[in-house]
Amino acid sequence: MLHYREDRKETLVYIVMWALVFLAPLASVYIHSLEHDATMTADVIPWGGVFAVWRQALVFLVAFLVHNYLLAPLLLGGRRRVFYFCAIAVLLSLFVTVQCISRPDTHKRHRLHERMEMRHGPKPDESGAFETPSGFDHRDMPPRHDGFEGNRFEGGKHQPPILIGEHDLVATIVFLLMLGVNWGIKLYFRHLRDRERMALLERENLEQQLEYLKYQINPHFLMNTLNNIHALVDIDPEQAKDSIVQLSKIMRFVLYEGSKQMVPLRQEILFLQNYIELMRKRVADQVDIRVSLPDMLPDREVPPLMLITFVENAFKHGVSYQQPSFINIRISIDGSTDSPQPASLHFVCSNSKIPQAEDRHGGVGLQNAKRRLDLLYADRYDLHIDDAADTYTVTLQIPLGS
């Protein structure tokens, strides 16, 4: 689809370019008529001259089509440089041959003009002056060159050019310039195709990395949650049953909403509330859990399962059964919530640290969360982790999607 769209644009450029070339003679006649205050009608258009120009342009068009659709793909696709330049040499030879064959025979036209001059006498030229009488000895005149065809007049006789004339040389230069323009257009559209292909590959790679991170986060979250319920089975079987029901709600969100790119902010916060309530049933009473949420939530979207990693990390590493511990979670909205102006989510999760050398914050879940933030927001988010002596605080600020 990408190649098809760019090929259509390239073909359209060629059509416009050659349409202008074939319309140029008519435009020239029209401008000439304006300069002489004449009316341009079909009977006054010099169709003979126009058709002569079109015949010359048709030769260029055929050479262009051969190069554009047969020869240029050889070098662009297969890198067959030797074959390409050999083919260009053959094409150029054929082009020059056609130019020489189709060269107007000015020698015959001059001989015809001399016969008409001898029969009817001299005729005045455009300025009103009479031409040289037919009895004038042309051998007394210096050699003259035909400015268009390059034919020579020597010894009273017209002689055609030995190889190629001035017109043929100019046509060859124009032919080479045409090939250069063709290459310039093709390389430009190839650059556009390559750039869009790279953007598509980067986008697909980004989606694959995000899916990979999600598949790592979900089993990690499920494993910790099942461990919590397993602990509740021995402590309070009834609460364990309620926890299984609550876990089903959580897993429903993970299964049906976790695969989406964005989810409503209300659903993401409700998911966090269900998880926090589930964790309250497991931890001891001496764990102080405080949650602060905004009264009004904007109708915005966030990536699913983005905040759960930090909350889960706080419950895993910030709860102690031997000493008082705490977990404080605060979510606020910075910016206007009603207007379409950009707003951001401000998330702070702070917890006490367990004084055990072997217990460390971080791991697969936290590393994946950082990588996911990089992929989603690049430099548009702010993540700050304060690992103090007795507390561990995560501060995150992300823009809210519309």
Protein backbone atom coordinates (compact mmCIF):
# COMPACT_ATOMS: atom_id res chain seq x y z
CA MET A 1 0.00 0.00 0.00
CA LEU A 2 2.86 2.35 0.82
CA HIS A 3 4.64 1.67 -2.49
CA TYR A 4 1.38 1.98 -4.42
CA ARG A 5 0.65 5.43 -2.98
CA GLU A 6 4.12 6.80 -3.68
CA ASP A 7 4.19 5.25 -7.18
CA ARG A 8 0.95 7.04 -7.99
CA LYS A 9 2.43 10.36 -6.88
CA GLU A 10 5.55 9.78 -8.96
CA THR A 11 3.50 8.86 -12.04
CA LEU A 12 1.37 11.98 -11.56
CA VAL A 13 4.52 14.14 -11.54
CA TYR A 14 5.61 12.59 -14.85
CA ILE A 15 2.19 13.11 -16.42
CA VAL A 16 2.14 16.78 -15.43
CA MET A 17 5.72 17.27 -16.62
CA TRP A 18 5.13 15.81 -20.09
CA ALA A 19 1.76 17.51 -20.43
CA LEU A 20 3.56 20.83 -19.97
CA VAL A 21 6.14 19.84 -22.58
CA PHE A 22 3.45 19.07 -25.20
CA LEU A 23 1.45 22.18 -24.31
CA ALA A 24 4.48 24.45 -24.56
CA PRO A 25 4.22 25.01 -28.39
CA LEU A 26 0.58 26.02 -28.11
CA ALA A 27 1.41 28.32 -25.18
CA SER A 28 4.17 29.90 -27.27
CA VAL A 29 1.74 30.54 -30.15
CA TYR A 30 -0.76 32.04 -27.73
CA ILE A 31 1.83 34.40 -26.21
CA HIS A 32 2.96 35.38 -29.73
CA SER A 33 -0.62 36.22 -30.67
CA LEU A 34 -0.98 38.40 -27.58
CA GLU A 35 2.17 40.31 -28.45
CA HIS A 36 0.82 41.06 -31.95
CA ASP A 37 -2.75 41.76 -30.81
CA ALA A 38 -4.04 38.88 -32.88
CA THR A 39 -6.83 36.44 -32.20
CA MET A 40 -5.66 32.87 -31.69
CA THR A 41 -7.89 30.59 -33.77
CA ALA A 42 -7.41 27.09 -35.12
CA ASP A 43 -6.90 28.30 -38.70
CA VAL A 44 -4.05 30.66 -37.80
CA ILE A 45 -2.08 28.20 -35.61
CA PRO A 46 1.02 26.97 -37.48
CA TRP A 47 0.17 23.31 -37.03
CA GLY A 48 3.10 22.24 -39.17
CA GLY A 49 5.57 23.74 -36.73
CA VAL A 50 3.60 22.49 -33.72
CA PHE A 51 3.55 18.93 -35.07
CA ALA A 52 7.27 19.15 -35.78
CA VAL A 53 7.94 20.06 -32.16
CA TRP A 54 5.62 17.27 -30.99
CA ARG A 55 7.47 14.73 -33.16
CA GLN A 56 10.73 15.74 -31.50
CA ALA A 57 9.13 15.62 -28.04
CA LEU A 58 7.70 12.18 -28.81
CA VAL A 59 11.23 10.82 -29.36
CA PHE A 60 12.24 12.18 -25.95
CA LEU A 61 9.09 10.70 -24.39
CA VAL A 62 9.80 7.21 -25.73
CA ALA A 63 13.39 7.40 -24.48
CA PHE A 64 12.13 8.59 -21.08
CA LEU A 65 9.63 5.73 -20.78
CA VAL A 66 12.31 3.17 -21.65
CA HIS A 67 14.66 4.59 -19.05
CA ASN A 68 12.06 5.11 -16.32
CA TYR A 69 10.31 1.75 -16.49
CA LEU A 70 13.01 -0.59 -17.86
CA LEU A 71 16.50 0.71 -17.14
CA ALA A 72 16.25 2.73 -13.90
CA PRO A 73 14.71 -0.20 -11.91
CA LEU A 74 17.77 -2.29 -12.81
CA LEU A 75 20.06 0.07 -10.90
CA LEU A 76 17.61 0.82 -8.07
CA GLY A 77 16.61 -2.76 -7.41
CA GLY A 78 19.35 -5.13 -8.49
CA ARG A 79 22.39 -2.83 -8.36
CA ARG A 80 23.35 -4.00 -11.86
CA ARG A 81 25.49 -0.99 -12.65
CA VAL A 82 27.49 -2.40 -15.57
CA PHE A 83 24.39 -3.60 -17.38
CA TYR A 84 22.64 -0.29 -16.68
CA PHE A 85 25.39 1.90 -18.13
CA CYS A 86 25.72 -0.39 -21.16
CA ALA A 87 21.99 -0.09 -21.74
CA ILE A 88 22.22 3.70 -21.37
CA ALA A 89 24.97 3.76 -24.00
CA VAL A 90 22.79 1.73 -26.38
CA LEU A 91 19.78 3.95 -25.70
CA LEU A 92 21.86 7.08 -26.31
CA SER A 93 23.19 5.66 -29.59
CA LEU A 94 19.67 4.86 -30.76
CA PHE A 95 18.52 8.32 -29.75
CA VAL A 96 21.31 10.06 -31.71
CA THR A 97 20.63 7.82 -34.72
CA VAL A 98 16.95 8.73 -34.70
CA GLN A 99 17.87 12.41 -34.41
CA CYS A 100 20.18 12.18 -37.43
CA ILE A 101 17.63 10.27 -39.51
CA SER A 102 14.80 12.67 -38.67
CA ARG A 103 16.97 15.78 -39.29
CA PRO A 104 15.20 18.17 -41.72
CA ASP A 105 16.85 18.21 -45.15
CA THR A 106 17.76 21.87 -45.36
CA HIS A 107 19.96 21.19 -48.40
CA LYS A 108 16.98 20.20 -50.53
CA ARG A 109 14.95 23.12 -49.27
CA HIS A 110 17.76 25.54 -50.18
CA ARG A 111 18.07 24.07 -53.72
CA LEU A 112 14.32 24.43 -54.14
CA HIS A 113 14.53 28.03 -52.96
CA GLU A 114 17.27 28.79 -55.53
CA ARG A 115 15.21 27.31 -58.36
CA MET A 116 12.20 29.38 -57.32
CA GLU A 117 14.45 32.44 -57.18
CA MET A 118 15.77 31.87 -60.72
CA ARG A 119 12.27 31.34 -62.05
CA HIS A 120 10.48 34.25 -60.40
CA GLY A 121 13.32 36.66 -59.66
CA PRO A 122 14.35 38.06 -56.32
CA LYS A 123 11.75 38.65 -53.66
CA PRO A 124 11.81 41.22 -50.93
CA ASP A 125 12.53 39.98 -47.45
CA GLU A 126 10.61 40.91 -44.30
CA SER A 127 12.29 44.34 -44.10
CA GLY A 128 11.30 45.19 -47.69
CA ALA A 129 14.82 44.89 -49.17
CA PHE A 130 15.41 42.63 -52.15
CA GLU A 131 17.45 39.51 -51.77
CA THR A 132 20.71 38.98 -53.60
CA PRO A 133 20.13 38.43 -57.35
CA SER A 134 20.41 34.91 -58.60
CA GLY A 135 23.47 35.81 -60.70
CA PHE A 136 25.46 36.74 -57.64
CA ASP A 137 28.49 34.52 -57.18
CA HIS A 138 28.12 32.89 -53.77
CA ARG A 139 31.74 31.77 -53.86
CA ASP A 140 32.75 35.36 -53.07
CA MET A 141 30.92 35.12 -49.74
CA PRO A 142 32.54 33.71 -46.59
CA PRO A 143 31.44 30.28 -45.40
CA ARG A 144 28.03 30.30 -43.68
CA HIS A 145 26.68 27.95 -41.06
CA ASP A 146 23.08 27.03 -40.56
CA GLY A 147 22.30 28.00 -36.98
CA PHE A 148 19.73 25.23 -36.49
CA GLU A 149 21.00 22.18 -38.33
CA GLY A 150 24.69 22.91 -38.51
CA ASN A 151 24.77 22.43 -42.34
CA ARG A 152 27.66 24.20 -44.12
CA PHE A 153 27.74 26.17 -47.34
CA GLU A 154 31.12 25.84 -49.05
CA GLY A 155 32.05 26.25 -52.66
CA GLY A 156 28.48 27.17 -53.64
CA LYS A 157 27.11 23.84 -52.34
CA HIS A 158 25.42 22.86 -49.11
CA GLN A 159 27.17 20.08 -47.21
CA PRO A 160 25.49 18.19 -44.37
CA PRO A 161 27.44 17.67 -41.13
CA ILE A 162 29.88 14.79 -41.13
CA LEU A 163 28.64 13.22 -37.84
CA ILE A 164 26.15 15.26 -35.83
CA GLY A 165 25.07 18.84 -36.20
CA GLU A 166 24.47 21.52 -33.67
CA HIS A 167 20.84 20.52 -33.30
CA ASP A 168 21.82 16.89 -32.63
CA LEU A 169 24.36 17.99 -30.01
CA VAL A 170 21.78 20.12 -28.22
CA ALA A 171 19.25 17.27 -28.35
CA THR A 172 21.82 14.90 -26.81
CA ILE A 173 22.52 17.34 -23.96
CA VAL A 174 18.78 17.70 -23.35
CA PHE A 175 18.49 13.90 -23.38
CA LEU A 176 21.15 13.57 -20.67
CA LEU A 177 19.51 16.32 -18.61
CA MET A 178 16.20 14.49 -18.94
CA LEU A 179 17.78 11.35 -17.50
CA GLY A 180 19.16 13.42 -14.63
CA VAL A 181 15.73 14.88 -13.89
CA ASN A 182 14.25 11.38 -14.03
CA TRP A 183 16.82 10.16 -11.51
CA GLY A 184 16.22 13.13 -9.25
CA ILE A 185 12.47 12.48 -9.11
CA LYS A 186 12.91 8.75 -8.59
CA LEU A 187 15.44 9.21 -5.79
CA TYR A 188 13.21 11.79 -4.10
CA PHE A 189 10.20 9.47 -4.01
CA ARG A 190 12.42 6.57 -3.00
CA HIS A 191 13.60 8.68 -0.06
CA LEU A 192 9.96 9.31 0.89
CA ARG A 193 9.19 5.60 0.68
CA ASP A 194 12.21 4.68 2.78
CA ARG A 195 11.36 7.29 5.39
CA GLU A 196 7.75 6.12 5.69
CA ARG A 197 8.91 2.49 5.78
CA MET A 198 11.30 3.27 8.63
CA ALA A 199 8.55 5.10 10.52
CA LEU A 200 6.25 2.11 10.02
CA LEU A 201 8.92 -0.31 11.21
CA GLU A 202 9.64 1.82 14.27
CA ARG A 203 5.93 1.99 15.07
CA GLU A 204 5.55 -1.78 14.69
CA ASN A 205 8.66 -2.34 16.79
CA LEU A 206 7.27 -0.03 19.47
CA GLU A 207 3.99 -1.95 19.56
CA GLN A 208 5.82 -5.28 19.78
CA GLN A 209 7.97 -4.04 22.66
CA LEU A 210 4.91 -2.74 24.49
CA GLU A 211 3.13 -6.07 24.04
CA TYR A 212 6.21 -7.88 25.31
CA LEU A 213 6.36 -5.66 28.38
CA LYS A 214 2.66 -6.22 29.07
CA TYR A 215 3.10 -9.99 28.88
CA GLN A 216 5.88 -9.67 31.42
CA ILE A 217 3.93 -7.36 33.74
CA ASN A 218 0.71 -9.39 33.80
CA PRO A 219 2.19 -12.73 34.95
CA HIS A 220 4.34 -10.86 37.47
CA PHE A 221 1.28 -9.16 38.92
CA LEU A 222 -0.77 -12.38 38.90
CA MET A 223 1.98 -14.32 40.69
CA ASN A 224 2.15 -11.80 43.56
CA THR A 225 -1.64 -11.62 43.88
CA LEU A 226 -2.01 -15.40 44.08
CA ASN A 227 0.68 -15.48 46.75
CA ASN A 228 -1.36 -12.98 48.76
CA ILE A 229 -4.53 -15.08 48.48
CA HIS A 230 -2.59 -18.20 49.40
CA ALA A 231 -1.53 -16.45 52.60
CA LEU A 232 -5.16 -15.51 53.33
CA VAL A 233 -6.32 -19.13 53.06
CA ASP A 234 -4.49 -19.97 56.28
CA ILE A 235 -5.30 -16.70 58.04
CA ASP A 236 -9.00 -16.23 57.17
CA PRO A 237 -10.72 -18.64 54.74
CA GLU A 238 -13.79 -16.40 54.38
CA GLN A 239 -11.69 -13.45 53.43
CA ALA A 240 -9.83 -15.69 51.02
CA LYS A 241 -13.15 -16.47 49.28
CA ASP A 242 -13.99 -12.80 49.06
CA SER A 243 -10.51 -12.12 47.80
CA ILE A 244 -10.97 -14.65 45.00
CA VAL A 245 -14.13 -12.82 43.88
CA GLN A 246 -12.31 -9.53 44.02
CA LEU A 247 -9.40 -11.06 42.15
CA SER A 248 -11.77 -12.11 39.36
CA LYS A 249 -12.75 -8.45 38.91
CA ILE A 250 -9.12 -7.46 38.81
CA MET A 251 -8.26 -10.16 36.29
CA ARG A 252 -11.22 -9.17 34.12
CA PHE A 253 -9.69 -5.73 33.81
CA VAL A 254 -6.27 -7.22 33.07
CA LEU A 255 -7.63 -9.52 30.37
CA TYR A 256 -10.05 -7.20 28.60
CA GLU A 257 -8.53 -3.77 29.19
CA GLY A 258 -4.85 -4.54 29.62
CA SER A 259 -4.39 -5.25 25.89
CA LYS A 260 -5.62 -1.80 24.89
CA GLN A 261 -3.31 1.11 24.26
CA MET A 262 -5.33 3.53 26.42
CA VAL A 263 -8.15 3.13 28.95
CA PRO A 264 -10.34 5.69 30.77
CA LEU A 265 -8.72 7.13 33.86
CA ARG A 266 -11.72 6.12 36.00
CA GLN A 267 -11.27 2.45 35.12
CA GLU A 268 -7.57 2.50 35.87
CA ILE A 269 -8.12 4.10 39.31
CA LEU A 270 -10.97 1.68 40.08
CA PHE A 271 -8.62 -1.15 39.27
CA LEU A 272 -6.06 0.29 41.71
CA GLN A 273 -8.71 0.60 44.43
CA ASN A 274 -9.72 -3.06 44.02
CA TYR A 275 -6.12 -4.14 44.25
CA ILE A 276 -5.45 -2.01 47.35
CA GLU A 277 -8.55 -3.38 49.09
CA LEU A 278 -7.42 -6.88 48.27
CA MET A 279 -4.02 -6.19 49.81
CA ARG A 280 -5.57 -4.69 52.97
CA LYS A 281 -7.02 -8.09 53.84
CA ARG A 282 -3.62 -9.68 53.92
CA VAL A 283 -1.41 -7.15 55.71
CA ALA A 284 -1.42 -6.68 59.46
CA ASP A 285 -3.25 -3.92 61.24
CA GLN A 286 -0.03 -2.10 62.09
CA VAL A 287 0.46 -1.28 58.39
CA ASP A 288 -0.88 2.22 57.81
CA ILE A 289 -2.34 2.38 54.28
CA ARG A 290 -3.53 5.77 53.10
CA VAL A 291 -4.98 6.53 49.69
CA SER A 292 -5.79 10.03 48.44
CA LEU A 293 -7.76 10.36 45.20
CA PRO A 294 -9.26 13.42 43.48
CA ASP A 295 -13.00 13.98 43.98
CA MET A 296 -13.58 14.66 40.28
CA LEU A 297 -11.79 12.68 37.60
CA PRO A 298 -11.48 14.13 34.10
CA ASP A 299 -12.68 12.24 31.08
CA ARG A 300 -9.16 11.44 29.98
CA GLU A 301 -7.20 8.27 29.19
CA VAL A 302 -4.03 6.63 30.49
CA PRO A 303 -2.08 3.50 29.53
CA PRO A 304 -3.51 0.46 31.34
CA LEU A 305 -1.57 -1.21 34.16
CA MET A 306 0.86 1.69 34.33
CA LEU A 307 0.51 2.58 38.04
CA ILE A 308 -0.04 -0.93 39.40
CA THR A 309 3.67 -1.74 39.13
CA PHE A 310 4.63 0.94 41.65
CA VAL A 311 1.74 0.09 44.02
CA GLU A 312 2.54 -3.59 43.84
CA ASN A 313 6.19 -2.82 44.51
CA ALA A 314 5.21 -0.83 47.61
CA PHE A 315 3.19 -3.73 49.07
CA LYS A 316 5.93 -6.21 48.26
CA HIS A 317 8.84 -4.27 49.78
CA GLY A 318 7.20 -1.82 52.19
CA VAL A 319 5.21 -4.10 54.53
CA SER A 320 6.69 -5.43 57.74
CA TYR A 321 5.01 -7.75 60.26
CA GLN A 322 7.55 -7.04 63.02
CA GLN A 323 7.40 -3.24 63.13
CA PRO A 324 5.03 -0.46 62.09
CA SER A 325 5.10 0.31 58.40
CA PHE A 326 3.16 2.48 56.02
CA ILE A 327 2.09 2.91 52.40
CA ASN A 328 0.88 6.31 51.19
CA ILE A 329 -0.63 6.67 47.71
CA ARG A 330 -1.72 10.02 46.33
CA ILE A 331 -3.12 10.79 42.90
CA SER A 332 -3.91 14.30 41.72
CA ILE A 333 -4.67 16.04 38.43
CA ASP A 334 -2.55 19.00 37.41
CA GLY A 335 -4.10 21.44 34.97
CA SER A 336 -7.66 22.07 33.85
CA THR A 337 -10.00 19.08 33.90
CA ASP A 338 -12.85 20.63 31.93
CA SER A 339 -11.09 22.41 29.08
CA PRO A 340 -9.32 20.62 26.22
CA GLN A 341 -6.01 22.09 27.40
CA PRO A 342 -3.27 19.58 28.30
CA ALA A 343 -3.56 18.06 31.75
CA SER A 344 -1.27 15.67 33.59
CA LEU A 345 -1.57 12.95 36.18
CA HIS A 346 0.55 13.37 39.32
CA PHE A 347 1.16 10.08 41.13
CA VAL A 348 3.09 9.69 44.39
CA CYS A 349 3.64 6.35 46.13
CA SER A 350 5.67 6.30 49.36
CA ASN A 351 6.34 3.33 51.62
CA SER A 352 8.53 2.34 54.53
CA LYS A 353 11.62 0.25 53.91
CA ILE A 354 12.21 -3.14 55.45
CA PRO A 355 15.63 -3.23 57.17
CA GLN A 356 16.83 -6.36 55.41
CA ALA A 357 19.95 -6.42 53.30
CA GLU A 358 18.56 -8.95 50.90
CA ASP A 359 15.42 -6.97 50.14
CA ARG A 360 15.84 -4.48 47.34
CA HIS A 361 13.38 -2.32 45.52
CA GLY A 362 13.17 -2.75 41.80
CA GLY A 363 13.25 -5.84 39.68
CA VAL A 364 11.54 -6.95 36.48
CA GLY A 365 8.31 -5.07 37.13
CA LEU A 366 9.95 -1.71 37.86
CA GLN A 367 12.42 -2.01 34.98
CA ASN A 368 9.62 -2.84 32.56
CA ALA A 369 7.60 0.13 33.83
CA LYS A 370 10.51 2.49 33.10
CA ARG A 371 11.02 1.00 29.66
CA ARG A 372 7.33 1.29 28.92
CA LEU A 373 7.30 4.95 29.94
CA ASP A 374 10.23 5.61 27.61
CA LEU A 375 8.43 3.99 24.70
CA LEU A 376 5.10 5.71 25.32
CA TYR A 377 6.12 9.21 26.31
CA ALA A 378 9.79 9.62 25.36
CA ASP A 379 10.77 12.86 27.17
CA ARG A 380 7.20 13.95 28.01
CA TYR A 381 7.05 12.24 31.41
CA ASP A 382 8.83 12.78 34.72
CA LEU A 383 9.77 9.84 36.95
CA HIS A 384 11.69 10.46 40.15
CA ILE A 385 12.63 7.76 42.68
CA ASP A 386 13.84 8.79 46.11
CA ASP A 387 15.51 5.85 47.84
CA ALA A 388 16.12 7.24 51.33
CA ALA A 389 17.30 5.42 54.45
CA ASP A 390 13.84 4.57 55.81
CA THR A 391 11.43 5.47 53.00
CA TYR A 392 11.09 4.74 49.33
CA THR A 393 9.14 7.27 47.24
CA VAL A 394 8.12 7.15 43.60
CA THR A 395 6.89 10.35 41.94
CA LEU A 396 5.46 10.10 38.45
CA GLN A 397 3.91 12.72 36.21
CA ILE A 398 2.48 11.76 32.80
CA PRO A 399 0.31 13.66 30.30
CA LEU A 400 -3.33 12.63 30.07
CA GLY A 401 -4.64 11.56 26.70
CA SER A 402 -7.82 13.07 25.31
